[in-house]
Amino acid sequence: MVCPDRTPISIRPVVKRYFFQVPEDIHLTGEELVLHPHQFADDTGETAVKFMDFGQEGYFNLYVNGVLQEGKLYQASADALKIAATGQSIIKGTPIILESVGFHVAREK
């Protein structure tokens, strides 16, 4: 079956990053760690108000000390980043970066 509408579309990525530096050692035992947007700086260096959540049109990546983390170890939403209790520690000064990637679809004229 041929699609009657052959209008070209473009798909453009939209990327937002949020940066946090651990102020003191964090021990991931017992409860999950919950971090909120106001604890992070955005790409412009400003304090974040919310994490950009693209829903089904995007996804989050988490980097701890520059290493991409497995998806099962964290959960992100517009209001919080939750990191699972793994029994490990994140030492003071470690960078945590949350990356939100979305896709904007537009019909080309």
PDB file of N, CA and C in Angstrom:
ATOM      1  N   MET A   1       0.843  -1.178   0.000  1.00  0.00           N
ATOM      2  CA  MET A   1       0.000   0.000   0.000  1.00  0.00           C
ATOM      3  C   MET A   1       0.889   1.242   0.000  1.00  0.00           C
ATOM      4  N   VAL A   2       0.579   2.191  -0.835  1.00  0.00           N
ATOM      5  CA  VAL A   2       1.336   3.425  -0.959  1.00  0.00           C
ATOM      6  C   VAL A   2       0.660   4.504  -0.119  1.00  0.00           C
ATOM      7  N   CYS A   3       1.448   5.219   0.617  1.00  0.00           N
ATOM      8  CA  CYS A   3       0.929   6.311   1.436  1.00  0.00           C
ATOM      9  C   CYS A   3       0.611   7.498   0.530  1.00  0.00           C
ATOM     10  N   PRO A   4      -0.624   8.016   0.561  1.00  0.00           N
ATOM     11  CA  PRO A   4      -1.001   9.114  -0.321  1.00  0.00           C
ATOM     12  C   PRO A   4      -0.297  10.430   0.031  1.00  0.00           C
ATOM     13  N   ASP A   5       0.082  10.614   1.268  1.00  0.00           N
ATOM     14  CA  ASP A   5       0.737  11.856   1.684  1.00  0.00           C
ATOM     15  C   ASP A   5       2.248  11.633   1.685  1.00  0.00           C
ATOM     16  N   ARG A   6       2.919  12.216   0.716  1.00  0.00           N
ATOM     17  CA  ARG A   6       4.368  12.020   0.597  1.00  0.00           C
ATOM     18  C   ARG A   6       5.139  13.239   1.102  1.00  0.00           C
ATOM     19  N   THR A   7       4.525  13.994   1.980  1.00  0.00           N
ATOM     20  CA  THR A   7       5.196  15.152   2.540  1.00  0.00           C
ATOM     21  C   THR A   7       6.391  14.681   3.361  1.00  0.00           C
ATOM     22  N   PRO A   8       7.578  15.164   3.040  1.00  0.00           N
ATOM     23  CA  PRO A   8       8.749  14.747   3.813  1.00  0.00           C
ATOM     24  C   PRO A   8       8.648  15.224   5.263  1.00  0.00           C
ATOM     25  N   ILE A   9       9.202  14.443   6.132  1.00  0.00           N
ATOM     26  CA  ILE A   9       9.262  14.835   7.536  1.00  0.00           C
ATOM     27  C   ILE A   9      10.722  14.871   7.963  1.00  0.00           C
ATOM     28  N   SER A  10      10.973  15.626   9.002  1.00  0.00           N
ATOM     29  CA  SER A  10      12.320  15.643   9.576  1.00  0.00           C
ATOM     30  C   SER A  10      12.204  15.300  11.053  1.00  0.00           C
ATOM     31  N   ILE A  11      13.191  14.612  11.539  1.00  0.00           N
ATOM     32  CA  ILE A  11      13.242  14.250  12.954  1.00  0.00           C
ATOM     33  C   ILE A  11      14.511  14.865  13.515  1.00  0.00           C
ATOM     34  N   ARG A  12      14.326  15.738  14.498  1.00  0.00           N
ATOM     35  CA  ARG A  12      15.467  16.444  15.083  1.00  0.00           C
ATOM     36  C   ARG A  12      15.573  16.113  16.570  1.00  0.00           C
ATOM     37  N   PRO A  13      16.767  15.752  17.009  1.00  0.00           N
ATOM     38  CA  PRO A  13      16.938  15.480  18.436  1.00  0.00           C
ATOM     39  C   PRO A  13      16.975  16.785  19.236  1.00  0.00           C
ATOM     40  N   VAL A  14      16.482  16.711  20.457  1.00  0.00           N
ATOM     41  CA  VAL A  14      16.559  17.798  21.421  1.00  0.00           C
ATOM     42  C   VAL A  14      17.226  17.197  22.654  1.00  0.00           C
ATOM     43  N   VAL A  15      18.341  17.784  23.085  1.00  0.00           N
ATOM     44  CA  VAL A  15      19.100  17.221  24.202  1.00  0.00           C
ATOM     45  C   VAL A  15      19.231  18.259  25.307  1.00  0.00           C
ATOM     46  N   LYS A  16      18.917  17.862  26.517  1.00  0.00           N
ATOM     47  CA  LYS A  16      19.083  18.698  27.708  1.00  0.00           C
ATOM     48  C   LYS A  16      19.936  17.910  28.700  1.00  0.00           C
ATOM     49  N   ARG A  17      20.894  18.587  29.324  1.00  0.00           N
ATOM     50  CA  ARG A  17      21.762  17.925  30.301  1.00  0.00           C
ATOM     51  C   ARG A  17      21.700  18.662  31.631  1.00  0.00           C
ATOM     52  N   TYR A  18      21.851  17.883  32.697  1.00  0.00           N
ATOM     53  CA  TYR A  18      21.790  18.409  34.058  1.00  0.00           C
ATOM     54  C   TYR A  18      22.983  17.863  34.835  1.00  0.00           C
ATOM     55  N   PHE A  19      23.678  18.749  35.564  1.00  0.00           N
ATOM     56  CA  PHE A  19      24.948  18.414  36.202  1.00  0.00           C
ATOM     57  C   PHE A  19      24.869  18.569  37.718  1.00  0.00           C
ATOM     58  N   PHE A  20      25.405  17.581  38.421  1.00  0.00           N
ATOM     59  CA  PHE A  20      25.422  17.574  39.887  1.00  0.00           C
ATOM     60  C   PHE A  20      26.772  17.035  40.325  1.00  0.00           C
ATOM     61  N   GLN A  21      27.383  17.687  41.317  1.00  0.00           N
ATOM     62  CA  GLN A  21      28.626  17.179  41.883  1.00  0.00           C
ATOM     63  C   GLN A  21      28.330  16.768  43.323  1.00  0.00           C
ATOM     64  N   VAL A  22      28.636  15.517  43.631  1.00  0.00           N
ATOM     65  CA  VAL A  22      28.307  14.941  44.937  1.00  0.00           C
ATOM     66  C   VAL A  22      29.041  15.721  46.036  1.00  0.00           C
ATOM     67  N   PRO A  23      28.307  16.340  46.983  1.00  0.00           N
ATOM     68  CA  PRO A  23      28.936  17.162  48.016  1.00  0.00           C
ATOM     69  C   PRO A  23      29.579  16.366  49.155  1.00  0.00           C
ATOM     70  N   GLU A  24      29.145  15.143  49.346  1.00  0.00           N
ATOM     71  CA  GLU A  24      29.704  14.259  50.386  1.00  0.00           C
ATOM     72  C   GLU A  24      29.463  12.820  49.949  1.00  0.00           C
ATOM     73  N   ASP A  25      30.221  11.897  50.513  1.00  0.00           N
ATOM     74  CA  ASP A  25      30.059  10.493  50.136  1.00  0.00           C
ATOM     75  C   ASP A  25      28.599  10.058  50.283  1.00  0.00           C
ATOM     76  N   ILE A  26      28.119   9.316  49.299  1.00  0.00           N
ATOM     77  CA  ILE A  26      26.757   8.777  49.322  1.00  0.00           C
ATOM     78  C   ILE A  26      26.864   7.262  49.348  1.00  0.00           C
ATOM     79  N   HIS A  27      26.243   6.644  50.332  1.00  0.00           N
ATOM     80  CA  HIS A  27      26.240   5.188  50.445  1.00  0.00           C
ATOM     81  C   HIS A  27      24.868   4.688  49.998  1.00  0.00           C
ATOM     82  N   LEU A  28      24.853   3.934  48.925  1.00  0.00           N
ATOM     83  CA  LEU A  28      23.594   3.461  48.336  1.00  0.00           C
ATOM     84  C   LEU A  28      23.156   2.163  49.006  1.00  0.00           C
ATOM     85  N   THR A  29      22.793   2.283  50.273  1.00  0.00           N
ATOM     86  CA  THR A  29      22.311   1.126  51.033  1.00  0.00           C
ATOM     87  C   THR A  29      20.921   1.443  51.569  1.00  0.00           C
ATOM     88  N   GLY A  30      20.100   0.445  51.689  1.00  0.00           N
ATOM     89  CA  GLY A  30      18.748   0.628  52.243  1.00  0.00           C
ATOM     90  C   GLY A  30      17.804   1.299  51.271  1.00  0.00           C
ATOM     91  N   GLU A  31      17.666   2.604  51.385  1.00  0.00           N
ATOM     92  CA  GLU A  31      16.720   3.380  50.570  1.00  0.00           C
ATOM     93  C   GLU A  31      17.367   3.845  49.269  1.00  0.00           C
ATOM     94  N   GLU A  32      16.538   4.031  48.238  1.00  0.00           N
ATOM     95  CA  GLU A  32      17.050   4.608  47.001  1.00  0.00           C
ATOM     96  C   GLU A  32      17.442   6.062  47.247  1.00  0.00           C
ATOM     97  N   LEU A  33      18.361   6.559  46.459  1.00  0.00           N
ATOM     98  CA  LEU A  33      18.772   7.951  46.534  1.00  0.00           C
ATOM     99  C   LEU A  33      17.842   8.767  45.645  1.00  0.00           C
ATOM    100  N   VAL A  34      17.299   9.855  46.183  1.00  0.00           N
ATOM    101  CA  VAL A  34      16.414  10.730  45.405  1.00  0.00           C
ATOM    102  C   VAL A  34      17.078  12.101  45.290  1.00  0.00           C
ATOM    103  N   LEU A  35      17.306  12.519  44.052  1.00  0.00           N
ATOM    104  CA  LEU A  35      17.851  13.842  43.773  1.00  0.00           C
ATOM    105  C   LEU A  35      16.797  14.639  43.012  1.00  0.00           C
ATOM    106  N   HIS A  36      16.714  15.933  43.321  1.00  0.00           N
ATOM    107  CA  HIS A  36      15.698  16.794  42.720  1.00  0.00           C
ATOM    108  C   HIS A  36      16.340  17.796  41.762  1.00  0.00           C
ATOM    109  N   PRO A  37      15.570  18.300  40.797  1.00  0.00           N
ATOM    110  CA  PRO A  37      16.130  19.213  39.796  1.00  0.00           C
ATOM    111  C   PRO A  37      16.882  20.407  40.381  1.00  0.00           C
ATOM    112  N   HIS A  38      16.396  20.984  41.485  1.00  0.00           N
ATOM    113  CA  HIS A  38      17.052  22.175  42.039  1.00  0.00           C
ATOM    114  C   HIS A  38      18.468  21.896  42.546  1.00  0.00           C
ATOM    115  N   GLN A  39      18.855  20.623  42.633  1.00  0.00           N
ATOM    116  CA  GLN A  39      20.212  20.260  43.040  1.00  0.00           C
ATOM    117  C   GLN A  39      21.172  20.245  41.844  1.00  0.00           C
ATOM    118  N   PHE A  40      20.638  20.400  40.644  1.00  0.00           N
ATOM    119  CA  PHE A  40      21.413  20.302  39.411  1.00  0.00           C
ATOM    120  C   PHE A  40      21.524  21.657  38.716  1.00  0.00           C
ATOM    121  N   ALA A  41      22.593  21.816  37.935  1.00  0.00           N
ATOM    122  CA  ALA A  41      22.723  22.957  37.025  1.00  0.00           C
ATOM    123  C   ALA A  41      22.411  22.452  35.620  1.00  0.00           C
ATOM    124  N   ASP A  42      21.796  23.314  34.805  1.00  0.00           N
ATOM    125  CA  ASP A  42      21.497  22.915  33.424  1.00  0.00           C
ATOM    126  C   ASP A  42      22.666  23.291  32.508  1.00  0.00           C
ATOM    127  N   ASP A  43      22.487  23.133  31.202  1.00  0.00           N
ATOM    128  CA  ASP A  43      23.553  23.423  30.234  1.00  0.00           C
ATOM    129  C   ASP A  43      24.037  24.872  30.280  1.00  0.00           C
ATOM    130  N   THR A  44      23.210  25.782  30.748  1.00  0.00           N
ATOM    131  CA  THR A  44      23.596  27.193  30.814  1.00  0.00           C
ATOM    132  C   THR A  44      24.227  27.560  32.149  1.00  0.00           C
ATOM    133  N   GLY A  45      24.287  26.592  33.080  1.00  0.00           N
ATOM    134  CA  GLY A  45      24.850  26.852  34.399  1.00  0.00           C
ATOM    135  C   GLY A  45      23.828  27.323  35.413  1.00  0.00           C
ATOM    136  N   GLU A  46      22.583  27.456  34.983  1.00  0.00           N
ATOM    137  CA  GLU A  46      21.508  27.889  35.875  1.00  0.00           C
ATOM    138  C   GLU A  46      20.962  26.701  36.665  1.00  0.00           C
ATOM    139  N   THR A  47      20.403  26.985  37.829  1.00  0.00           N
ATOM    140  CA  THR A  47      19.767  25.940  38.620  1.00  0.00           C
ATOM    141  C   THR A  47      18.546  25.414  37.875  1.00  0.00           C
ATOM    142  N   ALA A  48      18.449  24.105  37.767  1.00  0.00           N
ATOM    143  CA  ALA A  48      17.316  23.487  37.066  1.00  0.00           C
ATOM    144  C   ALA A  48      16.047  23.612  37.907  1.00  0.00           C
ATOM    145  N   VAL A  49      14.928  23.789  37.249  1.00  0.00           N
ATOM    146  CA  VAL A  49      13.626  23.831  37.914  1.00  0.00           C
ATOM    147  C   VAL A  49      12.939  22.476  37.764  1.00  0.00           C
ATOM    148  N   LYS A  50      12.998  21.920  36.567  1.00  0.00           N
ATOM    149  CA  LYS A  50      12.446  20.593  36.249  1.00  0.00           C
ATOM    150  C   LYS A  50      13.403  19.925  35.276  1.00  0.00           C
ATOM    151  N   PHE A  51      13.374  18.601  35.255  1.00  0.00           N
ATOM    152  CA  PHE A  51      14.080  17.865  34.213  1.00  0.00           C
ATOM    153  C   PHE A  51      13.142  17.788  33.011  1.00  0.00           C
ATOM    154  N   MET A  52      13.660  18.038  31.825  1.00  0.00           N
ATOM    155  CA  MET A  52      12.842  17.923  30.619  1.00  0.00           C
ATOM    156  C   MET A  52      12.499  16.451  30.414  1.00  0.00           C
ATOM    157  N   ASP A  53      11.208  16.142  30.424  1.00  0.00           N
ATOM    158  CA  ASP A  53      10.734  14.765  30.236  1.00  0.00           C
ATOM    159  C   ASP A  53       9.953  14.729  28.926  1.00  0.00           C
ATOM    160  N   PHE A  54      10.494  14.042  27.939  1.00  0.00           N
ATOM    161  CA  PHE A  54       9.871  13.971  26.622  1.00  0.00           C
ATOM    162  C   PHE A  54       8.857  12.837  26.507  1.00  0.00           C
ATOM    163  N   GLY A  55       8.621  12.117  27.584  1.00  0.00           N
ATOM    164  CA  GLY A  55       7.648  11.026  27.559  1.00  0.00           C
ATOM    165  C   GLY A  55       8.050   9.944  26.577  1.00  0.00           C
ATOM    166  N   GLN A  56       7.088   9.484  25.782  1.00  0.00           N
ATOM    167  CA  GLN A  56       7.349   8.414  24.820  1.00  0.00           C
ATOM    168  C   GLN A  56       8.200   8.875  23.639  1.00  0.00           C
ATOM    169  N   GLU A  57       8.392  10.171  23.498  1.00  0.00           N
ATOM    170  CA  GLU A  57       9.209  10.696  22.401  1.00  0.00           C
ATOM    171  C   GLU A  57      10.655  10.915  22.824  1.00  0.00           C
ATOM    172  N   GLY A  58      11.074  10.293  23.916  1.00  0.00           N
ATOM    173  CA  GLY A  58      12.444  10.483  24.367  1.00  0.00           C
ATOM    174  C   GLY A  58      12.846   9.505  25.448  1.00  0.00           C
ATOM    175  N   TYR A  59      14.006   9.763  26.021  1.00  0.00           N
ATOM    176  CA  TYR A  59      14.535   8.891  27.073  1.00  0.00           C
ATOM    177  C   TYR A  59      15.572   9.654  27.896  1.00  0.00           C
ATOM    178  N   PHE A  60      15.944   9.091  29.032  1.00  0.00           N
ATOM    179  CA  PHE A  60      16.978   9.640  29.902  1.00  0.00           C
ATOM    180  C   PHE A  60      18.197   8.729  29.884  1.00  0.00           C
ATOM    181  N   ASN A  61      19.380   9.331  29.992  1.00  0.00           N
ATOM    182  CA  ASN A  61      20.628   8.615  30.245  1.00  0.00           C
ATOM    183  C   ASN A  61      21.217   9.162  31.532  1.00  0.00           C
ATOM    184  N   LEU A  62      21.807   8.293  32.340  1.00  0.00           N
ATOM    185  CA  LEU A  62      22.469   8.710  33.570  1.00  0.00           C
ATOM    186  C   LEU A  62      23.941   8.335  33.488  1.00  0.00           C
ATOM    187  N   TYR A  63      24.791   9.315  33.789  1.00  0.00           N
ATOM    188  CA  TYR A  63      26.235   9.094  33.833  1.00  0.00           C
ATOM    189  C   TYR A  63      26.721   9.386  35.250  1.00  0.00           C
ATOM    190  N   VAL A  64      27.444   8.462  35.838  1.00  0.00           N
ATOM    191  CA  VAL A  64      28.072   8.667  37.139  1.00  0.00           C
ATOM    192  C   VAL A  64      29.573   8.556  36.908  1.00  0.00           C
ATOM    193  N   ASN A  65      30.296   9.628  37.217  1.00  0.00           N
ATOM    194  CA  ASN A  65      31.739   9.695  36.985  1.00  0.00           C
ATOM    195  C   ASN A  65      32.073   9.415  35.515  1.00  0.00           C
ATOM    196  N   GLY A  66      31.210   9.889  34.612  1.00  0.00           N
ATOM    197  CA  GLY A  66      31.438   9.751  33.184  1.00  0.00           C
ATOM    198  C   GLY A  66      31.047   8.415  32.585  1.00  0.00           C
ATOM    199  N   VAL A  67      30.501   7.511  33.402  1.00  0.00           N
ATOM    200  CA  VAL A  67      30.151   6.169  32.928  1.00  0.00           C
ATOM    201  C   VAL A  67      28.632   6.042  32.815  1.00  0.00           C
ATOM    202  N   LEU A  68      28.160   5.652  31.629  1.00  0.00           N
ATOM    203  CA  LEU A  68      26.735   5.435  31.404  1.00  0.00           C
ATOM    204  C   LEU A  68      26.245   4.299  32.294  1.00  0.00           C
ATOM    205  N   GLN A  69      25.136   4.525  32.990  1.00  0.00           N
ATOM    206  CA  GLN A  69      24.587   3.535  33.919  1.00  0.00           C
ATOM    207  C   GLN A  69      23.480   2.713  33.261  1.00  0.00           C
ATOM    208  N   GLU A  70      23.329   1.492  33.731  1.00  0.00           N
ATOM    209  CA  GLU A  70      22.263   0.615  33.237  1.00  0.00           C
ATOM    210  C   GLU A  70      20.900   1.211  33.581  1.00  0.00           C
ATOM    211  N   GLY A  71      19.955   1.071  32.668  1.00  0.00           N
ATOM    212  CA  GLY A  71      18.619   1.622  32.864  1.00  0.00           C
ATOM    213  C   GLY A  71      17.911   1.120  34.105  1.00  0.00           C
ATOM    214  N   LYS A  72      18.200  -0.109  34.519  1.00  0.00           N
ATOM    215  CA  LYS A  72      17.514  -0.667  35.691  1.00  0.00           C
ATOM    216  C   LYS A  72      18.000  -0.055  37.007  1.00  0.00           C
ATOM    217  N   LEU A  73      19.077   0.730  36.977  1.00  0.00           N
ATOM    218  CA  LEU A  73      19.638   1.297  38.197  1.00  0.00           C
ATOM    219  C   LEU A  73      19.063   2.657  38.563  1.00  0.00           C
ATOM    220  N   TYR A  74      18.253   3.237  37.690  1.00  0.00           N
ATOM    221  CA  TYR A  74      17.713   4.563  37.984  1.00  0.00           C
ATOM    222  C   TYR A  74      16.356   4.760  37.314  1.00  0.00           C
ATOM    223  N   GLN A  75      15.652   5.761  37.823  1.00  0.00           N
ATOM    224  CA  GLN A  75      14.361   6.162  37.265  1.00  0.00           C
ATOM    225  C   GLN A  75      14.336   7.684  37.282  1.00  0.00           C
ATOM    226  N   ALA A  76      14.005   8.282  36.156  1.00  0.00           N
ATOM    227  CA  ALA A  76      13.974   9.739  36.068  1.00  0.00           C
ATOM    228  C   ALA A  76      12.603  10.206  35.615  1.00  0.00           C
ATOM    229  N   SER A  77      12.204  11.360  36.141  1.00  0.00           N
ATOM    230  CA  SER A  77      10.966  12.022  35.736  1.00  0.00           C
ATOM    231  C   SER A  77      11.247  13.521  35.760  1.00  0.00           C
ATOM    232  N   ALA A  78      10.262  14.327  35.460  1.00  0.00           N
ATOM    233  CA  ALA A  78      10.443  15.776  35.477  1.00  0.00           C
ATOM    234  C   ALA A  78      10.809  16.292  36.866  1.00  0.00           C
ATOM    235  N   ASP A  79      10.389  15.571  37.909  1.00  0.00           N
ATOM    236  CA  ASP A  79      10.550  16.060  39.274  1.00  0.00           C
ATOM    237  C   ASP A  79      11.656  15.417  40.092  1.00  0.00           C
ATOM    238  N   ALA A  80      12.207  14.284  39.646  1.00  0.00           N
ATOM    239  CA  ALA A  80      13.206  13.607  40.475  1.00  0.00           C
ATOM    240  C   ALA A  80      14.021  12.596  39.683  1.00  0.00           C
ATOM    241  N   LEU A  81      15.223  12.357  40.181  1.00  0.00           N
ATOM    242  CA  LEU A  81      16.076  11.269  39.717  1.00  0.00           C
ATOM    243  C   LEU A  81      16.222  10.323  40.897  1.00  0.00           C
ATOM    244  N   LYS A  82      15.857   9.064  40.700  1.00  0.00           N
ATOM    245  CA  LYS A  82      15.961   8.061  41.757  1.00  0.00           C
ATOM    246  C   LYS A  82      17.012   7.041  41.345  1.00  0.00           C
ATOM    247  N   ILE A  83      17.999   6.850  42.229  1.00  0.00           N
ATOM    248  CA  ILE A  83      19.071   5.896  41.975  1.00  0.00           C
ATOM    249  C   ILE A  83      18.911   4.743  42.951  1.00  0.00           C
ATOM    250  N   ALA A  84      18.908   3.533  42.424  1.00  0.00           N
ATOM    251  CA  ALA A  84      18.665   2.332  43.233  1.00  0.00           C
ATOM    252  C   ALA A  84      19.764   2.125  44.271  1.00  0.00           C
ATOM    253  N   ALA A  85      19.362   1.543  45.391  1.00  0.00           N
ATOM    254  CA  ALA A  85      20.306   1.152  46.443  1.00  0.00           C
ATOM    255  C   ALA A  85      21.010  -0.123  45.981  1.00  0.00           C
ATOM    256  N   THR A  86      22.297   0.001  45.676  1.00  0.00           N
ATOM    257  CA  THR A  86      23.061  -1.135  45.144  1.00  0.00           C
ATOM    258  C   THR A  86      24.093  -1.658  46.131  1.00  0.00           C
ATOM    259  N   GLY A  87      24.212  -0.991  47.286  1.00  0.00           N
ATOM    260  CA  GLY A  87      25.232  -1.373  48.254  1.00  0.00           C
ATOM    261  C   GLY A  87      26.571  -0.709  47.984  1.00  0.00           C
ATOM    262  N   GLN A  88      26.664   0.062  46.913  1.00  0.00           N
ATOM    263  CA  GLN A  88      27.910   0.740  46.569  1.00  0.00           C
ATOM    264  C   GLN A  88      27.893   2.170  47.087  1.00  0.00           C
ATOM    265  N   SER A  89      29.007   2.867  46.914  1.00  0.00           N
ATOM    266  CA  SER A  89      29.111   4.259  47.341  1.00  0.00           C
ATOM    267  C   SER A  89      29.518   5.138  46.171  1.00  0.00           C
ATOM    268  N   ILE A  90      29.067   6.373  46.219  1.00  0.00           N
ATOM    269  CA  ILE A  90      29.501   7.401  45.277  1.00  0.00           C
ATOM    270  C   ILE A  90      30.280   8.407  46.116  1.00  0.00           C
ATOM    271  N   ILE A  91      31.554   8.606  45.788  1.00  0.00           N
ATOM    272  CA  ILE A  91      32.392   9.434  46.649  1.00  0.00           C
ATOM    273  C   ILE A  91      32.242  10.926  46.351  1.00  0.00           C
ATOM    274  N   LYS A  92      32.564  11.718  47.367  1.00  0.00           N
ATOM    275  CA  LYS A  92      32.495  13.172  47.280  1.00  0.00           C
ATOM    276  C   LYS A  92      33.238  13.662  46.034  1.00  0.00           C
ATOM    277  N   GLY A  93      32.626  14.606  45.324  1.00  0.00           N
ATOM    278  CA  GLY A  93      33.236  15.197  44.141  1.00  0.00           C
ATOM    279  C   GLY A  93      32.900  14.500  42.836  1.00  0.00           C
ATOM    280  N   THR A  94      32.249  13.338  42.916  1.00  0.00           N
ATOM    281  CA  THR A  94      31.890  12.593  41.708  1.00  0.00           C
ATOM    282  C   THR A  94      30.823  13.352  40.918  1.00  0.00           C
ATOM    283  N   PRO A  95      31.018  13.532  39.606  1.00  0.00           N
ATOM    284  CA  PRO A  95      29.970  14.173  38.806  1.00  0.00           C
ATOM    285  C   PRO A  95      28.857  13.182  38.452  1.00  0.00           C
ATOM    286  N   ILE A  96      27.631  13.659  38.557  1.00  0.00           N
ATOM    287  CA  ILE A  96      26.455  12.910  38.111  1.00  0.00           C
ATOM    288  C   ILE A  96      25.791  13.766  37.038  1.00  0.00           C
ATOM    289  N   ILE A  97      25.595  13.185  35.870  1.00  0.00           N
ATOM    290  CA  ILE A  97      24.992  13.909  34.746  1.00  0.00           C
ATOM    291  C   ILE A  97      23.741  13.164  34.297  1.00  0.00           C
ATOM    292  N   LEU A  98      22.627  13.873  34.273  1.00  0.00           N
ATOM    293  CA  LEU A  98      21.386  13.324  33.736  1.00  0.00           C
ATOM    294  C   LEU A  98      21.177  13.964  32.370  1.00  0.00           C
ATOM    295  N   GLU A  99      21.005  13.130  31.363  1.00  0.00           N
ATOM    296  CA  GLU A  99      20.800  13.601  29.999  1.00  0.00           C
ATOM    297  C   GLU A  99      19.396  13.209  29.552  1.00  0.00           C
ATOM    298  N   SER A 100      18.648  14.189  29.078  1.00  0.00           N
ATOM    299  CA  SER A 100      17.304  13.950  28.567  1.00  0.00           C
ATOM    300  C   SER A 100      17.338  14.151  27.056  1.00  0.00           C
ATOM    301  N   VAL A 101      16.950  13.117  26.314  1.00  0.00           N
ATOM    302  CA  VAL A 101      16.987  13.159  24.854  1.00  0.00           C
ATOM    303  C   VAL A 101      15.561  12.988  24.330  1.00  0.00           C
ATOM    304  N   GLY A 102      15.143  13.907  23.493  1.00  0.00           N
ATOM    305  CA  GLY A 102      13.820  13.822  22.886  1.00  0.00           C
ATOM    306  C   GLY A 102      13.927  14.014  21.388  1.00  0.00           C
ATOM    307  N   PHE A 103      12.835  13.763  20.696  1.00  0.00           N
ATOM    308  CA  PHE A 103      12.821  13.874  19.244  1.00  0.00           C
ATOM    309  C   PHE A 103      11.647  14.737  18.813  1.00  0.00           C
ATOM    310  N   HIS A 104      11.939  15.728  17.980  1.00  0.00           N
ATOM    311  CA  HIS A 104      10.921  16.626  17.452  1.00  0.00           C
ATOM    312  C   HIS A 104      10.674  16.246  15.995  1.00  0.00           C
ATOM    313  N   VAL A 105       9.446  15.910  15.678  1.00  0.00           N
ATOM    314  CA  VAL A 105       9.080  15.516  14.314  1.00  0.00           C
ATOM    315  C   VAL A 105       8.341  16.679  13.659  1.00  0.00           C
ATOM    316  N   ALA A 106       8.782  17.051  12.463  1.00  0.00           N
ATOM    317  CA  ALA A 106       8.139  18.158  11.749  1.00  0.00           C
ATOM    318  C   ALA A 106       7.980  17.802  10.277  1.00  0.00           C
ATOM    319  N   ARG A 107       6.865  18.237   9.711  1.00  0.00           N
ATOM    320  CA  ARG A 107       6.657  18.067   8.267  1.00  0.00           C
ATOM    321  C   ARG A 107       7.418  19.175   7.553  1.00  0.00           C
ATOM    322  N   GLU A 108       8.134  18.798   6.533  1.00  0.00           N
ATOM    323  CA  GLU A 108       8.886  19.777   5.756  1.00  0.00           C
ATOM    324  C   GLU A 108       7.975  20.357   4.688  1.00  0.00           C
ATOM    325  N   LYS A 109       8.161  21.613   4.397  1.00  0.00           N
ATOM    326  CA  LYS A 109       7.310  22.288   3.404  1.00  0.00           C
ATOM    327  C   LYS A 109       7.990  22.369   2.072  1.00  0.00           C
TER     328      LYS A 109
END
